[in-house]
Each structure stands twice: as structure tokens, then as C-alpha cells.
Amino acid sequence: MKAAKECANIQEIRTEIDTIDHQIITAFGKRFEYVKAAAKFKNNQESVKAPERFNSMLQQRRLWAEAAGLNPDVIENLYRDLVSYFIDEELKNWQSH
């Protein structure tokens, strides 16, 4: 993988961005496997939703975003949507067991 400043043209930039996006989506898939596995350790719907964990996770992602020079509001919204989807899927998985 090339560093951004080593790219010679827009196509190289786009190729690297596509590679990174693919890695991110693959990582989300791995994360989802852990979410599904977590259902076996949950006793009720409230423990699946885990609102305190959800809020503390969002705060930590905001801190990581700031440290990476990213807008924490954007990262929080991204994770809020992503994790809300995962929670819904985890609830389905939990209810089926």
C-alpha cells in the first residue's frame, strides 16, 4: 500500500481508498461475528441493548476520532448507526436461541 503522498495520480489515490474501504468493511464483518457471539452471554433484551455500554462505546469512539484528527460527531453518527443495526441483529439472534 502506498502512502497518500506517494500516489502519482488520481487513479492511484482511488485504488488505495478502495483498498482501505474494503478493509474497513471486512473489519465490520469481523466485528459483527463478535456481536453475534455475544448473544450467548446475554440473559435478556436489556442486556443485549446494553445502553450504558452503547453510550460509553460512543464516547470512546469520539475520543479516538479526535486523536485521529476526525470530526467526532461524524464518527459518533457512523457508529451509532452501525451499532444500532448490530444490536437489532443481535436481538434477532438472541431471540432465536
PDB file of N, CA and C in Angstrom:
ATOM      1  N   MET A   1       0.836  -1.174   0.000  1.00  0.00           N
ATOM      2  CA  MET A   1       0.000   0.000   0.000  1.00  0.00           C
ATOM      3  C   MET A   1       0.886   1.244   0.000  1.00  0.00           C
ATOM      4  N   LYS A   2       0.535   2.162  -0.863  1.00  0.00           N
ATOM      5  CA  LYS A   2       1.307   3.406  -0.962  1.00  0.00           C
ATOM      6  C   LYS A   2       0.826   4.422   0.067  1.00  0.00           C
ATOM      7  N   ALA A   3       1.730   5.256   0.518  1.00  0.00           N
ATOM      8  CA  ALA A   3       1.344   6.409   1.332  1.00  0.00           C
ATOM      9  C   ALA A   3       0.651   7.405   0.407  1.00  0.00           C
ATOM     10  N   ALA A   4      -0.275   8.176   0.959  1.00  0.00           N
ATOM     11  CA  ALA A   4      -1.051   9.126   0.152  1.00  0.00           C
ATOM     12  C   ALA A   4      -0.149  10.050  -0.659  1.00  0.00           C
ATOM     13  N   LYS A   5       0.918  10.544  -0.060  1.00  0.00           N
ATOM     14  CA  LYS A   5       1.777  11.481  -0.789  1.00  0.00           C
ATOM     15  C   LYS A   5       2.661  10.810  -1.830  1.00  0.00           C
ATOM     16  N   GLU A   6       2.699   9.472  -1.840  1.00  0.00           N
ATOM     17  CA  GLU A   6       3.465   8.735  -2.852  1.00  0.00           C
ATOM     18  C   GLU A   6       2.656   8.457  -4.114  1.00  0.00           C
ATOM     19  N   CYS A   7       1.340   8.667  -4.057  1.00  0.00           N
ATOM     20  CA  CYS A   7       0.495   8.401  -5.224  1.00  0.00           C
ATOM     21  C   CYS A   7       0.788   9.429  -6.311  1.00  0.00           C
ATOM     22  N   ALA A   8       0.913   8.922  -7.542  1.00  0.00           N
ATOM     23  CA  ALA A   8       1.293   9.779  -8.663  1.00  0.00           C
ATOM     24  C   ALA A   8       0.102  10.375  -9.403  1.00  0.00           C
ATOM     25  N   ASN A   9      -1.101   9.800  -9.184  1.00  0.00           N
ATOM     26  CA  ASN A   9      -2.259  10.307  -9.912  1.00  0.00           C
ATOM     27  C   ASN A   9      -3.542   9.946  -9.158  1.00  0.00           C
ATOM     28  N   ILE A  10      -4.659  10.449  -9.673  1.00  0.00           N
ATOM     29  CA  ILE A  10      -5.942  10.258  -9.003  1.00  0.00           C
ATOM     30  C   ILE A  10      -6.346   8.780  -8.993  1.00  0.00           C
ATOM     31  N   GLN A  11      -5.989   8.038 -10.030  1.00  0.00           N
ATOM     32  CA  GLN A  11      -6.357   6.623 -10.067  1.00  0.00           C
ATOM     33  C   GLN A  11      -5.654   5.847  -8.949  1.00  0.00           C
ATOM     34  N   GLU A  12      -4.402   6.158  -8.693  1.00  0.00           N
ATOM     35  CA  GLU A  12      -3.689   5.508  -7.592  1.00  0.00           C
ATOM     36  C   GLU A  12      -4.345   5.856  -6.248  1.00  0.00           C
ATOM     37  N   ILE A  13      -4.736   7.114  -6.097  1.00  0.00           N
ATOM     38  CA  ILE A  13      -5.439   7.544  -4.878  1.00  0.00           C
ATOM     39  C   ILE A  13      -6.725   6.732  -4.722  1.00  0.00           C
ATOM     40  N   ARG A  14      -7.518   6.651  -5.788  1.00  0.00           N
ATOM     41  CA  ARG A  14      -8.792   5.923  -5.727  1.00  0.00           C
ATOM     42  C   ARG A  14      -8.589   4.442  -5.445  1.00  0.00           C
ATOM     43  N   THR A  15      -7.560   3.859  -6.011  1.00  0.00           N
ATOM     44  CA  THR A  15      -7.260   2.446  -5.764  1.00  0.00           C
ATOM     45  C   THR A  15      -6.936   2.229  -4.287  1.00  0.00           C
ATOM     46  N   GLU A  16      -6.151   3.101  -3.713  1.00  0.00           N
ATOM     47  CA  GLU A  16      -5.795   2.977  -2.291  1.00  0.00           C
ATOM     48  C   GLU A  16      -7.020   3.189  -1.403  1.00  0.00           C
ATOM     49  N   ILE A  17      -7.871   4.161  -1.749  1.00  0.00           N
ATOM     50  CA  ILE A  17      -9.096   4.393  -0.984  1.00  0.00           C
ATOM     51  C   ILE A  17      -9.999   3.170  -1.050  1.00  0.00           C
ATOM     52  N   ASP A  18     -10.128   2.582  -2.240  1.00  0.00           N
ATOM     53  CA  ASP A  18     -10.947   1.374  -2.376  1.00  0.00           C
ATOM     54  C   ASP A  18     -10.393   0.231  -1.526  1.00  0.00           C
ATOM     55  N   THR A  19      -9.087   0.107  -1.491  1.00  0.00           N
ATOM     56  CA  THR A  19      -8.457  -0.934  -0.667  1.00  0.00           C
ATOM     57  C   THR A  19      -8.762  -0.718   0.808  1.00  0.00           C
ATOM     58  N   ILE A  20      -8.639   0.512   1.253  1.00  0.00           N
ATOM     59  CA  ILE A  20      -8.932   0.839   2.653  1.00  0.00           C
ATOM     60  C   ILE A  20     -10.407   0.580   2.963  1.00  0.00           C
ATOM     61  N   ASP A  21     -11.302   1.015   2.080  1.00  0.00           N
ATOM     62  CA  ASP A  21     -12.731   0.792   2.306  1.00  0.00           C
ATOM     63  C   ASP A  21     -13.046  -0.700   2.389  1.00  0.00           C
ATOM     64  N   HIS A  22     -12.412  -1.497   1.551  1.00  0.00           N
ATOM     65  CA  HIS A  22     -12.619  -2.943   1.596  1.00  0.00           C
ATOM     66  C   HIS A  22     -12.153  -3.498   2.945  1.00  0.00           C
ATOM     67  N   GLN A  23     -11.014  -3.028   3.429  1.00  0.00           N
ATOM     68  CA  GLN A  23     -10.504  -3.465   4.735  1.00  0.00           C
ATOM     69  C   GLN A  23     -11.453  -3.065   5.858  1.00  0.00           C
ATOM     70  N   ILE A  24     -12.008  -1.862   5.774  1.00  0.00           N
ATOM     71  CA  ILE A  24     -12.945  -1.384   6.799  1.00  0.00           C
ATOM     72  C   ILE A  24     -14.193  -2.257   6.817  1.00  0.00           C
ATOM     73  N   ILE A  25     -14.743  -2.538   5.644  1.00  0.00           N
ATOM     74  CA  ILE A  25     -15.954  -3.351   5.574  1.00  0.00           C
ATOM     75  C   ILE A  25     -15.674  -4.773   6.052  1.00  0.00           C
ATOM     76  N   THR A  26     -14.522  -5.314   5.701  1.00  0.00           N
ATOM     77  CA  THR A  26     -14.138  -6.638   6.205  1.00  0.00           C
ATOM     78  C   THR A  26     -14.033  -6.620   7.723  1.00  0.00           C
ATOM     79  N   ALA A  27     -13.469  -5.556   8.281  1.00  0.00           N
ATOM     80  CA  ALA A  27     -13.360  -5.429   9.741  1.00  0.00           C
ATOM     81  C   ALA A  27     -14.749  -5.322  10.381  1.00  0.00           C
ATOM     82  N   PHE A  28     -15.670  -4.616   9.745  1.00  0.00           N
ATOM     83  CA  PHE A  28     -17.043  -4.554  10.263  1.00  0.00           C
ATOM     84  C   PHE A  28     -17.669  -5.947  10.274  1.00  0.00           C
ATOM     85  N   GLY A  29     -17.392  -6.732   9.250  1.00  0.00           N
ATOM     86  CA  GLY A  29     -17.886  -8.104   9.216  1.00  0.00           C
ATOM     87  C   GLY A  29     -17.338  -8.936  10.368  1.00  0.00           C
ATOM     88  N   LYS A  30     -16.059  -8.780  10.656  1.00  0.00           N
ATOM     89  CA  LYS A  30     -15.453  -9.480  11.801  1.00  0.00           C
ATOM     90  C   LYS A  30     -16.079  -9.005  13.107  1.00  0.00           C
ATOM     91  N   ARG A  31     -16.300  -7.709  13.202  1.00  0.00           N
ATOM     92  CA  ARG A  31     -16.927  -7.147  14.407  1.00  0.00           C
ATOM     93  C   ARG A  31     -18.313  -7.757  14.604  1.00  0.00           C
ATOM     94  N   PHE A  32     -19.045  -7.910  13.501  1.00  0.00           N
ATOM     95  CA  PHE A  32     -20.388  -8.456  13.562  1.00  0.00           C
ATOM     96  C   PHE A  32     -20.372  -9.901  14.062  1.00  0.00           C
ATOM     97  N   GLU A  33     -19.367 -10.665  13.702  1.00  0.00           N
ATOM     98  CA  GLU A  33     -19.247 -12.039  14.207  1.00  0.00           C
ATOM     99  C   GLU A  33     -19.145 -12.045  15.737  1.00  0.00           C
ATOM    100  N   TYR A  34     -18.400 -11.107  16.292  1.00  0.00           N
ATOM    101  CA  TYR A  34     -18.306 -10.993  17.755  1.00  0.00           C
ATOM    102  C   TYR A  34     -19.634 -10.573  18.368  1.00  0.00           C
ATOM    103  N   VAL A  35     -20.330  -9.671  17.693  1.00  0.00           N
ATOM    104  CA  VAL A  35     -21.647  -9.237  18.172  1.00  0.00           C
ATOM    105  C   VAL A  35     -22.583 -10.440  18.261  1.00  0.00           C
ATOM    106  N   LYS A  36     -22.615 -11.236  17.216  1.00  0.00           N
ATOM    107  CA  LYS A  36     -23.485 -12.412  17.219  1.00  0.00           C
ATOM    108  C   LYS A  36     -23.070 -13.400  18.304  1.00  0.00           C
ATOM    109  N   ALA A  37     -21.780 -13.572  18.501  1.00  0.00           N
ATOM    110  CA  ALA A  37     -21.288 -14.491  19.531  1.00  0.00           C
ATOM    111  C   ALA A  37     -21.630 -13.997  20.932  1.00  0.00           C
ATOM    112  N   ALA A  38     -21.725 -12.687  21.095  1.00  0.00           N
ATOM    113  CA  ALA A  38     -22.027 -12.115  22.409  1.00  0.00           C
ATOM    114  C   ALA A  38     -23.421 -12.480  22.894  1.00  0.00           C
ATOM    115  N   ALA A  39     -24.325 -12.791  21.971  1.00  0.00           N
ATOM    116  CA  ALA A  39     -25.709 -13.089  22.344  1.00  0.00           C
ATOM    117  C   ALA A  39     -25.794 -14.235  23.345  1.00  0.00           C
ATOM    118  N   LYS A  40     -24.880 -15.191  23.268  1.00  0.00           N
ATOM    119  CA  LYS A  40     -24.944 -16.342  24.184  1.00  0.00           C
ATOM    120  C   LYS A  40     -24.616 -15.961  25.628  1.00  0.00           C
ATOM    121  N   PHE A  41     -24.067 -14.792  25.829  1.00  0.00           N
ATOM    122  CA  PHE A  41     -23.731 -14.331  27.177  1.00  0.00           C
ATOM    123  C   PHE A  41     -24.767 -13.351  27.736  1.00  0.00           C
ATOM    124  N   LYS A  42     -25.824 -13.100  26.963  1.00  0.00           N
ATOM    125  CA  LYS A  42     -26.838 -12.138  27.366  1.00  0.00           C
ATOM    126  C   LYS A  42     -28.059 -12.882  27.903  1.00  0.00           C
ATOM    127  N   ASN A  43     -28.629 -12.361  28.997  1.00  0.00           N
ATOM    128  CA  ASN A  43     -29.754 -13.029  29.652  1.00  0.00           C
ATOM    129  C   ASN A  43     -31.121 -12.485  29.276  1.00  0.00           C
ATOM    130  N   ASN A  44     -31.154 -11.248  28.779  1.00  0.00           N
ATOM    131  CA  ASN A  44     -32.433 -10.624  28.452  1.00  0.00           C
ATOM    132  C   ASN A  44     -32.217  -9.536  27.394  1.00  0.00           C
ATOM    133  N   GLN A  45     -33.328  -8.983  26.926  1.00  0.00           N
ATOM    134  CA  GLN A  45     -33.229  -7.965  25.876  1.00  0.00           C
ATOM    135  C   GLN A  45     -32.467  -6.726  26.333  1.00  0.00           C
ATOM    136  N   GLU A  46     -32.629  -6.367  27.589  1.00  0.00           N
ATOM    137  CA  GLU A  46     -31.926  -5.184  28.112  1.00  0.00           C
ATOM    138  C   GLU A  46     -30.410  -5.391  28.065  1.00  0.00           C
ATOM    139  N   SER A  47     -29.967  -6.612  28.373  1.00  0.00           N
ATOM    140  CA  SER A  47     -28.522  -6.873  28.320  1.00  0.00           C
ATOM    141  C   SER A  47     -28.014  -6.891  26.881  1.00  0.00           C
ATOM    142  N   VAL A  48     -28.883  -7.232  25.937  1.00  0.00           N
ATOM    143  CA  VAL A  48     -28.496  -7.158  24.524  1.00  0.00           C
ATOM    144  C   VAL A  48     -28.339  -5.691  24.121  1.00  0.00           C
ATOM    145  N   LYS A  49     -29.286  -4.868  24.518  1.00  0.00           N
ATOM    146  CA  LYS A  49     -29.229  -3.441  24.170  1.00  0.00           C
ATOM    147  C   LYS A  49     -28.108  -2.722  24.905  1.00  0.00           C
ATOM    148  N   ALA A  50     -27.852  -3.091  26.149  1.00  0.00           N
ATOM    149  CA  ALA A  50     -26.756  -2.562  26.969  1.00  0.00           C
ATOM    150  C   ALA A  50     -26.547  -1.059  26.768  1.00  0.00           C
ATOM    151  N   PRO A  51     -27.534  -0.232  27.144  1.00  0.00           N
ATOM    152  CA  PRO A  51     -27.432   1.204  26.860  1.00  0.00           C
ATOM    153  C   PRO A  51     -26.213   1.883  27.488  1.00  0.00           C
ATOM    154  N   GLU A  52     -25.798   1.456  28.662  1.00  0.00           N
ATOM    155  CA  GLU A  52     -24.604   2.077  29.266  1.00  0.00           C
ATOM    156  C   GLU A  52     -23.357   1.763  28.449  1.00  0.00           C
ATOM    157  N   ARG A  53     -23.223   0.514  28.013  1.00  0.00           N
ATOM    158  CA  ARG A  53     -22.094   0.113  27.163  1.00  0.00           C
ATOM    159  C   ARG A  53     -22.148   0.873  25.839  1.00  0.00           C
ATOM    160  N   PHE A  54     -23.331   0.982  25.265  1.00  0.00           N
ATOM    161  CA  PHE A  54     -23.502   1.683  23.994  1.00  0.00           C
ATOM    162  C   PHE A  54     -23.012   3.126  24.115  1.00  0.00           C
ATOM    163  N   ASN A  55     -23.447   3.814  25.162  1.00  0.00           N
ATOM    164  CA  ASN A  55     -23.048   5.215  25.351  1.00  0.00           C
ATOM    165  C   ASN A  55     -21.565   5.363  25.648  1.00  0.00           C
ATOM    166  N   SER A  56     -21.014   4.472  26.468  1.00  0.00           N
ATOM    167  CA  SER A  56     -19.574   4.573  26.761  1.00  0.00           C
ATOM    168  C   SER A  56     -18.752   4.243  25.517  1.00  0.00           C
ATOM    169  N   MET A  57     -19.226   3.303  24.697  1.00  0.00           N
ATOM    170  CA  MET A  57     -18.540   2.978  23.450  1.00  0.00           C
ATOM    171  C   MET A  57     -18.525   4.192  22.529  1.00  0.00           C
ATOM    172  N   LEU A  58     -19.666   4.875  22.420  1.00  0.00           N
ATOM    173  CA  LEU A  58     -19.713   6.070  21.571  1.00  0.00           C
ATOM    174  C   LEU A  58     -18.741   7.141  22.055  1.00  0.00           C
ATOM    175  N   GLN A  59     -18.658   7.329  23.362  1.00  0.00           N
ATOM    176  CA  GLN A  59     -17.729   8.330  23.904  1.00  0.00           C
ATOM    177  C   GLN A  59     -16.279   7.968  23.582  1.00  0.00           C
ATOM    178  N   GLN A  60     -15.954   6.675  23.692  1.00  0.00           N
ATOM    179  CA  GLN A  60     -14.591   6.241  23.375  1.00  0.00           C
ATOM    180  C   GLN A  60     -14.289   6.446  21.899  1.00  0.00           C
ATOM    181  N   ARG A  61     -15.246   6.168  21.024  1.00  0.00           N
ATOM    182  CA  ARG A  61     -15.029   6.373  19.587  1.00  0.00           C
ATOM    183  C   ARG A  61     -14.849   7.853  19.270  1.00  0.00           C
ATOM    184  N   ARG A  62     -15.538   8.714  20.009  1.00  0.00           N
ATOM    185  CA  ARG A  62     -15.355  10.157  19.830  1.00  0.00           C
ATOM    186  C   ARG A  62     -13.915  10.558  20.169  1.00  0.00           C
ATOM    187  N   LEU A  63     -13.406  10.010  21.271  1.00  0.00           N
ATOM    188  CA  LEU A  63     -12.028  10.309  21.669  1.00  0.00           C
ATOM    189  C   LEU A  63     -11.042   9.816  20.616  1.00  0.00           C
ATOM    190  N   TRP A  64     -11.271   8.605  20.115  1.00  0.00           N
ATOM    191  CA  TRP A  64     -10.388   8.064  19.078  1.00  0.00           C
ATOM    192  C   TRP A  64     -10.452   8.921  17.822  1.00  0.00           C
ATOM    193  N   ALA A  65     -11.653   9.392  17.488  1.00  0.00           N
ATOM    194  CA  ALA A  65     -11.806  10.244  16.309  1.00  0.00           C
ATOM    195  C   ALA A  65     -11.004  11.535  16.469  1.00  0.00           C
ATOM    196  N   GLU A  66     -11.143  12.156  17.620  1.00  0.00           N
ATOM    197  CA  GLU A  66     -10.400  13.400  17.873  1.00  0.00           C
ATOM    198  C   GLU A  66      -8.901  13.162  17.780  1.00  0.00           C
ATOM    199  N   ALA A  67      -8.430  12.060  18.350  1.00  0.00           N
ATOM    200  CA  ALA A  67      -6.998  11.745  18.315  1.00  0.00           C
ATOM    201  C   ALA A  67      -6.513  11.510  16.882  1.00  0.00           C
ATOM    202  N   ALA A  68      -7.414  11.039  16.014  1.00  0.00           N
ATOM    203  CA  ALA A  68      -7.057  10.780  14.620  1.00  0.00           C
ATOM    204  C   ALA A  68      -7.293  11.994  13.725  1.00  0.00           C
ATOM    205  N   GLY A  69      -7.734  13.115  14.320  1.00  0.00           N
ATOM    206  CA  GLY A  69      -7.975  14.322  13.547  1.00  0.00           C
ATOM    207  C   GLY A  69      -9.275  14.285  12.753  1.00  0.00           C
ATOM    208  N   LEU A  70     -10.216  13.458  13.210  1.00  0.00           N
ATOM    209  CA  LEU A  70     -11.513  13.339  12.540  1.00  0.00           C
ATOM    210  C   LEU A  70     -12.591  14.051  13.343  1.00  0.00           C
ATOM    211  N   ASN A  71     -13.669  14.380  12.681  1.00  0.00           N
ATOM    212  CA  ASN A  71     -14.790  15.030  13.336  1.00  0.00           C
ATOM    213  C   ASN A  71     -15.496  13.999  14.229  1.00  0.00           C
ATOM    214  N   PRO A  72     -15.502  14.199  15.548  1.00  0.00           N
ATOM    215  CA  PRO A  72     -16.108  13.213  16.442  1.00  0.00           C
ATOM    216  C   PRO A  72     -17.615  13.046  16.247  1.00  0.00           C
ATOM    217  N   ASP A  73     -18.303  14.105  15.792  1.00  0.00           N
ATOM    218  CA  ASP A  73     -19.741  13.990  15.537  1.00  0.00           C
ATOM    219  C   ASP A  73     -20.011  13.019  14.391  1.00  0.00           C
ATOM    220  N   VAL A  74     -19.207  13.098  13.355  1.00  0.00           N
ATOM    221  CA  VAL A  74     -19.378  12.213  12.196  1.00  0.00           C
ATOM    222  C   VAL A  74     -19.110  10.772  12.603  1.00  0.00           C
ATOM    223  N   ILE A  75     -18.035  10.546  13.346  1.00  0.00           N
ATOM    224  CA  ILE A  75     -17.690   9.182  13.776  1.00  0.00           C
ATOM    225  C   ILE A  75     -18.747   8.651  14.741  1.00  0.00           C
ATOM    226  N   GLU A  76     -19.234   9.489  15.634  1.00  0.00           N
ATOM    227  CA  GLU A  76     -20.291   9.044  16.543  1.00  0.00           C
ATOM    228  C   GLU A  76     -21.528   8.626  15.758  1.00  0.00           C
ATOM    229  N   ASN A  77     -21.928   9.422  14.777  1.00  0.00           N
ATOM    230  CA  ASN A  77     -23.100   9.080  13.983  1.00  0.00           C
ATOM    231  C   ASN A  77     -22.896   7.784  13.209  1.00  0.00           C
ATOM    232  N   LEU A  78     -21.712   7.618  12.658  1.00  0.00           N
ATOM    233  CA  LEU A  78     -21.412   6.388  11.936  1.00  0.00           C
ATOM    234  C   LEU A  78     -21.550   5.176  12.861  1.00  0.00           C
ATOM    235  N   TYR A  79     -20.934   5.255  14.037  1.00  0.00           N
ATOM    236  CA  TYR A  79     -21.000   4.138  14.987  1.00  0.00           C
ATOM    237  C   TYR A  79     -22.393   3.981  15.583  1.00  0.00           C
ATOM    238  N   ARG A  80     -23.093   5.066  15.797  1.00  0.00           N
ATOM    239  CA  ARG A  80     -24.466   4.972  16.318  1.00  0.00           C
ATOM    240  C   ARG A  80     -25.321   4.163  15.340  1.00  0.00           C
ATOM    241  N   ASP A  81     -25.223   4.479  14.049  1.00  0.00           N
ATOM    242  CA  ASP A  81     -25.989   3.743  13.040  1.00  0.00           C
ATOM    243  C   ASP A  81     -25.527   2.296  12.933  1.00  0.00           C
ATOM    244  N   LEU A  82     -24.233   2.098  12.850  1.00  0.00           N
ATOM    245  CA  LEU A  82     -23.683   0.757  12.697  1.00  0.00           C
ATOM    246  C   LEU A  82     -24.040  -0.134  13.883  1.00  0.00           C
ATOM    247  N   VAL A  83     -23.807   0.356  15.079  1.00  0.00           N
ATOM    248  CA  VAL A  83     -24.035  -0.451  16.268  1.00  0.00           C
ATOM    249  C   VAL A  83     -25.527  -0.640  16.528  1.00  0.00           C
ATOM    250  N   SER A  84     -26.347   0.331  16.187  1.00  0.00           N
ATOM    251  CA  SER A  84     -27.797   0.139  16.308  1.00  0.00           C
ATOM    252  C   SER A  84     -28.249  -1.005  15.402  1.00  0.00           C
ATOM    253  N   TYR A  85     -27.714  -1.058  14.200  1.00  0.00           N
ATOM    254  CA  TYR A  85     -28.007  -2.172  13.293  1.00  0.00           C
ATOM    255  C   TYR A  85     -27.530  -3.492  13.915  1.00  0.00           C
ATOM    256  N   PHE A  86     -26.305  -3.505  14.437  1.00  0.00           N
ATOM    257  CA  PHE A  86     -25.773  -4.715  15.046  1.00  0.00           C
ATOM    258  C   PHE A  86     -26.617  -5.156  16.240  1.00  0.00           C
ATOM    259  N   ILE A  87     -27.072  -4.204  17.040  1.00  0.00           N
ATOM    260  CA  ILE A  87     -27.918  -4.541  18.195  1.00  0.00           C
ATOM    261  C   ILE A  87     -29.226  -5.172  17.716  1.00  0.00           C
ATOM    262  N   ASP A  88     -29.817  -4.604  16.681  1.00  0.00           N
ATOM    263  CA  ASP A  88     -31.043  -5.185  16.133  1.00  0.00           C
ATOM    264  C   ASP A  88     -30.798  -6.620  15.664  1.00  0.00           C
ATOM    265  N   GLU A  89     -29.676  -6.840  14.997  1.00  0.00           N
ATOM    266  CA  GLU A  89     -29.347  -8.187  14.530  1.00  0.00           C
ATOM    267  C   GLU A  89     -29.044  -9.120  15.698  1.00  0.00           C
ATOM    268  N   GLU A  90     -28.361  -8.592  16.715  1.00  0.00           N
ATOM    269  CA  GLU A  90     -28.061  -9.396  17.897  1.00  0.00           C
ATOM    270  C   GLU A  90     -29.352  -9.793  18.615  1.00  0.00           C
ATOM    271  N   LEU A  91     -30.315  -8.875  18.670  1.00  0.00           N
ATOM    272  CA  LEU A  91     -31.607  -9.194  19.281  1.00  0.00           C
ATOM    273  C   LEU A  91     -32.289 -10.338  18.529  1.00  0.00           C
ATOM    274  N   LYS A  92     -32.259 -10.289  17.211  1.00  0.00           N
ATOM    275  CA  LYS A  92     -32.836 -11.366  16.419  1.00  0.00           C
ATOM    276  C   LYS A  92     -32.140 -12.685  16.721  1.00  0.00           C
ATOM    277  N   ASN A  93     -30.818 -12.642  16.790  1.00  0.00           N
ATOM    278  CA  ASN A  93     -30.014 -13.837  17.065  1.00  0.00           C
ATOM    279  C   ASN A  93     -30.306 -14.358  18.478  1.00  0.00           C
ATOM    280  N   TRP A  94     -30.378 -13.441  19.438  1.00  0.00           N
ATOM    281  CA  TRP A  94     -30.632 -13.812  20.834  1.00  0.00           C
ATOM    282  C   TRP A  94     -32.020 -14.441  20.972  1.00  0.00           C
ATOM    283  N   GLN A  95     -33.007 -13.844  20.309  1.00  0.00           N
ATOM    284  CA  GLN A  95     -34.373 -14.346  20.403  1.00  0.00           C
ATOM    285  C   GLN A  95     -34.531 -15.725  19.766  1.00  0.00           C
ATOM    286  N   SER A  96     -33.695 -16.026  18.802  1.00  0.00           N
ATOM    287  CA  SER A  96     -33.794 -17.328  18.124  1.00  0.00           C
ATOM    288  C   SER A  96     -33.130 -18.443  18.933  1.00  0.00           C
ATOM    289  N   HIS A  97     -32.446 -18.104  20.005  1.00  0.00           N
ATOM    290  CA  HIS A  97     -31.781 -19.139  20.816  1.00  0.00           C
ATOM    291  C   HIS A  97     -32.489 -19.360  22.092  1.00  0.00           C
TER     292      HIS A  97
END
